[in-house]
Amino acid sequence: SSLMLLQLLSRGVTFALNQALARLASPAVFGTASIQFELLSSTILFLSREGVRNALLRAKSDPG
């Protein structure tokens, strides 16, 4: 039950922060922050996938 309460509280806080952000930030600032966040998350995902891909390639080409 404590995990359910923690998840409910976490979602409530996230919802409240999103509502505050949507009401307080201007569309230009919100758009700029959204683009920068998207670039950051795409870069992190690309770098992590590259590491896994290289590790798999090394594991497959390793003869012993």
N, C-alpha and C. Protein backbone atom coordinates (compact mmCIF):
# COMPACT_ATOMS: atom_id res chain seq x y z
N SER A 1 0.83 -1.20 0.00
CA SER A 1 0.00 0.00 0.00
C SER A 1 0.87 1.26 0.00
N SER A 2 2.05 1.17 0.62
CA SER A 2 2.91 2.35 0.63
C SER A 2 3.46 2.65 -0.75
N LEU A 3 3.68 1.60 -1.57
CA LEU A 3 4.14 1.83 -2.94
C LEU A 3 3.05 2.50 -3.78
N MET A 4 1.82 2.11 -3.55
CA MET A 4 0.71 2.75 -4.27
C MET A 4 0.59 4.21 -3.86
N LEU A 5 0.74 4.48 -2.59
CA LEU A 5 0.67 5.85 -2.10
C LEU A 5 1.82 6.68 -2.67
N LEU A 6 3.00 6.10 -2.73
CA LEU A 6 4.16 6.80 -3.29
C LEU A 6 3.96 7.10 -4.77
N GLN A 7 3.40 6.15 -5.52
CA GLN A 7 3.15 6.37 -6.94
C GLN A 7 2.08 7.44 -7.14
N LEU A 8 1.04 7.40 -6.34
CA LEU A 8 -0.01 8.40 -6.43
C LEU A 8 0.51 9.79 -6.10
N LEU A 9 1.32 9.88 -5.07
CA LEU A 9 1.91 11.15 -4.68
C LEU A 9 2.86 11.66 -5.76
N SER A 10 3.65 10.77 -6.33
CA SER A 10 4.58 11.15 -7.39
C SER A 10 3.84 11.69 -8.61
N ARG A 11 2.78 11.02 -9.01
CA ARG A 11 1.99 11.48 -10.15
C ARG A 11 1.28 12.80 -9.86
N GLY A 12 0.84 12.97 -8.64
CA GLY A 12 0.19 14.22 -8.26
C GLY A 12 1.15 15.40 -8.29
N VAL A 13 2.36 15.18 -7.79
CA VAL A 13 3.37 16.24 -7.82
C VAL A 13 3.76 16.57 -9.25
N THR A 14 3.93 15.55 -10.08
CA THR A 14 4.26 15.77 -11.49
C THR A 14 3.16 16.55 -12.19
N PHE A 15 1.91 16.20 -11.92
CA PHE A 15 0.79 16.91 -12.53
C PHE A 15 0.76 18.37 -12.09
N ALA A 16 0.96 18.60 -10.80
CA ALA A 16 0.93 19.97 -10.29
C ALA A 16 2.06 20.81 -10.89
N LEU A 17 3.25 20.23 -10.99
CA LEU A 17 4.37 20.97 -11.58
C LEU A 17 4.15 21.25 -13.06
N ASN A 18 3.58 20.30 -13.78
CA ASN A 18 3.27 20.53 -15.19
C ASN A 18 2.23 21.63 -15.37
N GLN A 19 1.24 21.65 -14.50
CA GLN A 19 0.22 22.69 -14.58
C GLN A 19 0.82 24.06 -14.29
N ALA A 20 1.67 24.13 -13.28
CA ALA A 20 2.32 25.40 -12.95
C ALA A 20 3.21 25.87 -14.09
N LEU A 21 3.93 24.95 -14.69
CA LEU A 21 4.80 25.30 -15.81
C LEU A 21 4.00 25.81 -17.00
N ALA A 22 2.90 25.16 -17.30
CA ALA A 22 2.07 25.57 -18.43
C ALA A 22 1.44 26.94 -18.20
N ARG A 23 1.14 27.27 -16.95
CA ARG A 23 0.49 28.55 -16.66
C ARG A 23 1.48 29.70 -16.51
N LEU A 24 2.68 29.41 -16.01
CA LEU A 24 3.62 30.48 -15.71
C LEU A 24 4.59 30.78 -16.85
N ALA A 25 4.94 29.80 -17.64
CA ALA A 25 5.93 30.00 -18.69
C ALA A 25 5.26 30.52 -19.96
N SER A 26 5.95 31.43 -20.65
CA SER A 26 5.43 31.90 -21.93
C SER A 26 5.64 30.81 -22.98
N PRO A 27 4.88 30.83 -24.05
CA PRO A 27 5.03 29.79 -25.08
C PRO A 27 6.44 29.74 -25.69
N ALA A 28 7.08 30.90 -25.85
CA ALA A 28 8.42 30.92 -26.43
C ALA A 28 9.42 30.23 -25.50
N VAL A 29 9.35 30.54 -24.21
CA VAL A 29 10.26 29.92 -23.24
C VAL A 29 9.97 28.42 -23.12
N PHE A 30 8.71 28.07 -23.11
CA PHE A 30 8.32 26.66 -23.01
C PHE A 30 8.82 25.89 -24.23
N GLY A 31 8.69 26.48 -25.42
CA GLY A 31 9.15 25.83 -26.65
C GLY A 31 10.66 25.65 -26.67
N THR A 32 11.38 26.69 -26.25
CA THR A 32 12.84 26.61 -26.21
C THR A 32 13.31 25.53 -25.24
N ALA A 33 12.72 25.50 -24.07
CA ALA A 33 13.09 24.49 -23.08
C ALA A 33 12.74 23.09 -23.58
N SER A 34 11.62 22.96 -24.25
CA SER A 34 11.21 21.67 -24.78
C SER A 34 12.18 21.17 -25.84
N ILE A 35 12.61 22.06 -26.72
CA ILE A 35 13.56 21.68 -27.76
C ILE A 35 14.90 21.28 -27.15
N GLN A 36 15.37 22.04 -26.17
CA GLN A 36 16.65 21.72 -25.53
C GLN A 36 16.57 20.39 -24.78
N PHE A 37 15.44 20.13 -24.12
CA PHE A 37 15.27 18.86 -23.43
C PHE A 37 15.23 17.71 -24.41
N GLU A 38 14.56 17.89 -25.53
CA GLU A 38 14.48 16.84 -26.56
C GLU A 38 15.87 16.54 -27.13
N LEU A 39 16.66 17.58 -27.36
CA LEU A 39 18.02 17.39 -27.85
C LEU A 39 18.87 16.64 -26.83
N LEU A 40 18.76 17.01 -25.58
CA LEU A 40 19.52 16.34 -24.52
C LEU A 40 19.12 14.87 -24.40
N SER A 41 17.84 14.59 -24.39
CA SER A 41 17.40 13.20 -24.24
C SER A 41 17.78 12.37 -25.46
N SER A 42 17.69 12.94 -26.65
CA SER A 42 18.10 12.21 -27.85
C SER A 42 19.58 11.92 -27.84
N THR A 43 20.38 12.87 -27.39
CA THR A 43 21.83 12.66 -27.31
C THR A 43 22.17 11.56 -26.31
N ILE A 44 21.53 11.58 -25.16
CA ILE A 44 21.79 10.55 -24.15
C ILE A 44 21.39 9.17 -24.66
N LEU A 45 20.22 9.09 -25.31
CA LEU A 45 19.79 7.81 -25.85
C LEU A 45 20.73 7.32 -26.94
N PHE A 46 21.18 8.21 -27.81
CA PHE A 46 22.11 7.83 -28.88
C PHE A 46 23.41 7.29 -28.30
N LEU A 47 23.97 8.01 -27.32
CA LEU A 47 25.24 7.58 -26.75
C LEU A 47 25.12 6.24 -26.02
N SER A 48 24.02 6.03 -25.34
CA SER A 48 23.85 4.75 -24.64
C SER A 48 23.65 3.62 -25.64
N ARG A 49 22.92 3.86 -26.72
CA ARG A 49 22.73 2.82 -27.74
C ARG A 49 24.04 2.51 -28.44
N GLU A 50 24.86 3.51 -28.70
CA GLU A 50 26.15 3.29 -29.35
C GLU A 50 27.04 2.42 -28.48
N GLY A 51 27.05 2.66 -27.18
CA GLY A 51 27.86 1.85 -26.29
C GLY A 51 27.42 0.39 -26.30
N VAL A 52 26.13 0.17 -26.25
CA VAL A 52 25.61 -1.20 -26.27
C VAL A 52 25.91 -1.84 -27.62
N ARG A 53 25.74 -1.10 -28.70
CA ARG A 53 26.00 -1.64 -30.05
C ARG A 53 27.46 -2.04 -30.19
N ASN A 54 28.37 -1.17 -29.75
CA ASN A 54 29.80 -1.48 -29.84
C ASN A 54 30.16 -2.69 -28.98
N ALA A 55 29.57 -2.80 -27.81
CA ALA A 55 29.84 -3.95 -26.96
C ALA A 55 29.35 -5.24 -27.60
N LEU A 56 28.21 -5.19 -28.24
CA LEU A 56 27.69 -6.37 -28.92
C LEU A 56 28.56 -6.75 -30.11
N LEU A 57 29.02 -5.76 -30.85
CA LEU A 57 29.89 -6.04 -31.99
C LEU A 57 31.21 -6.66 -31.52
N ARG A 58 31.77 -6.16 -30.42
CA ARG A 58 33.01 -6.73 -29.91
C ARG A 58 32.79 -8.15 -29.40
N ALA A 59 31.65 -8.40 -28.77
CA ALA A 59 31.37 -9.73 -28.23
C ALA A 59 31.19 -10.74 -29.36
N LYS A 60 30.57 -10.34 -30.47
CA LYS A 60 30.34 -11.25 -31.58
C LYS A 60 31.63 -11.54 -32.34
N SER A 61 32.52 -10.56 -32.44
CA SER A 61 33.75 -10.76 -33.21
C SER A 61 34.87 -11.40 -32.38
N ASP A 62 34.65 -11.54 -31.08
CA ASP A 62 35.66 -12.14 -30.20
C ASP A 62 35.69 -13.66 -30.43
N PRO A 63 36.82 -14.23 -30.92
CA PRO A 63 36.83 -15.66 -31.24
C PRO A 63 36.85 -16.57 -30.00
N GLY A 64 37.28 -16.09 -28.89
CA GLY A 64 37.38 -17.00 -27.75
C GLY A 64 36.85 -16.38 -26.55
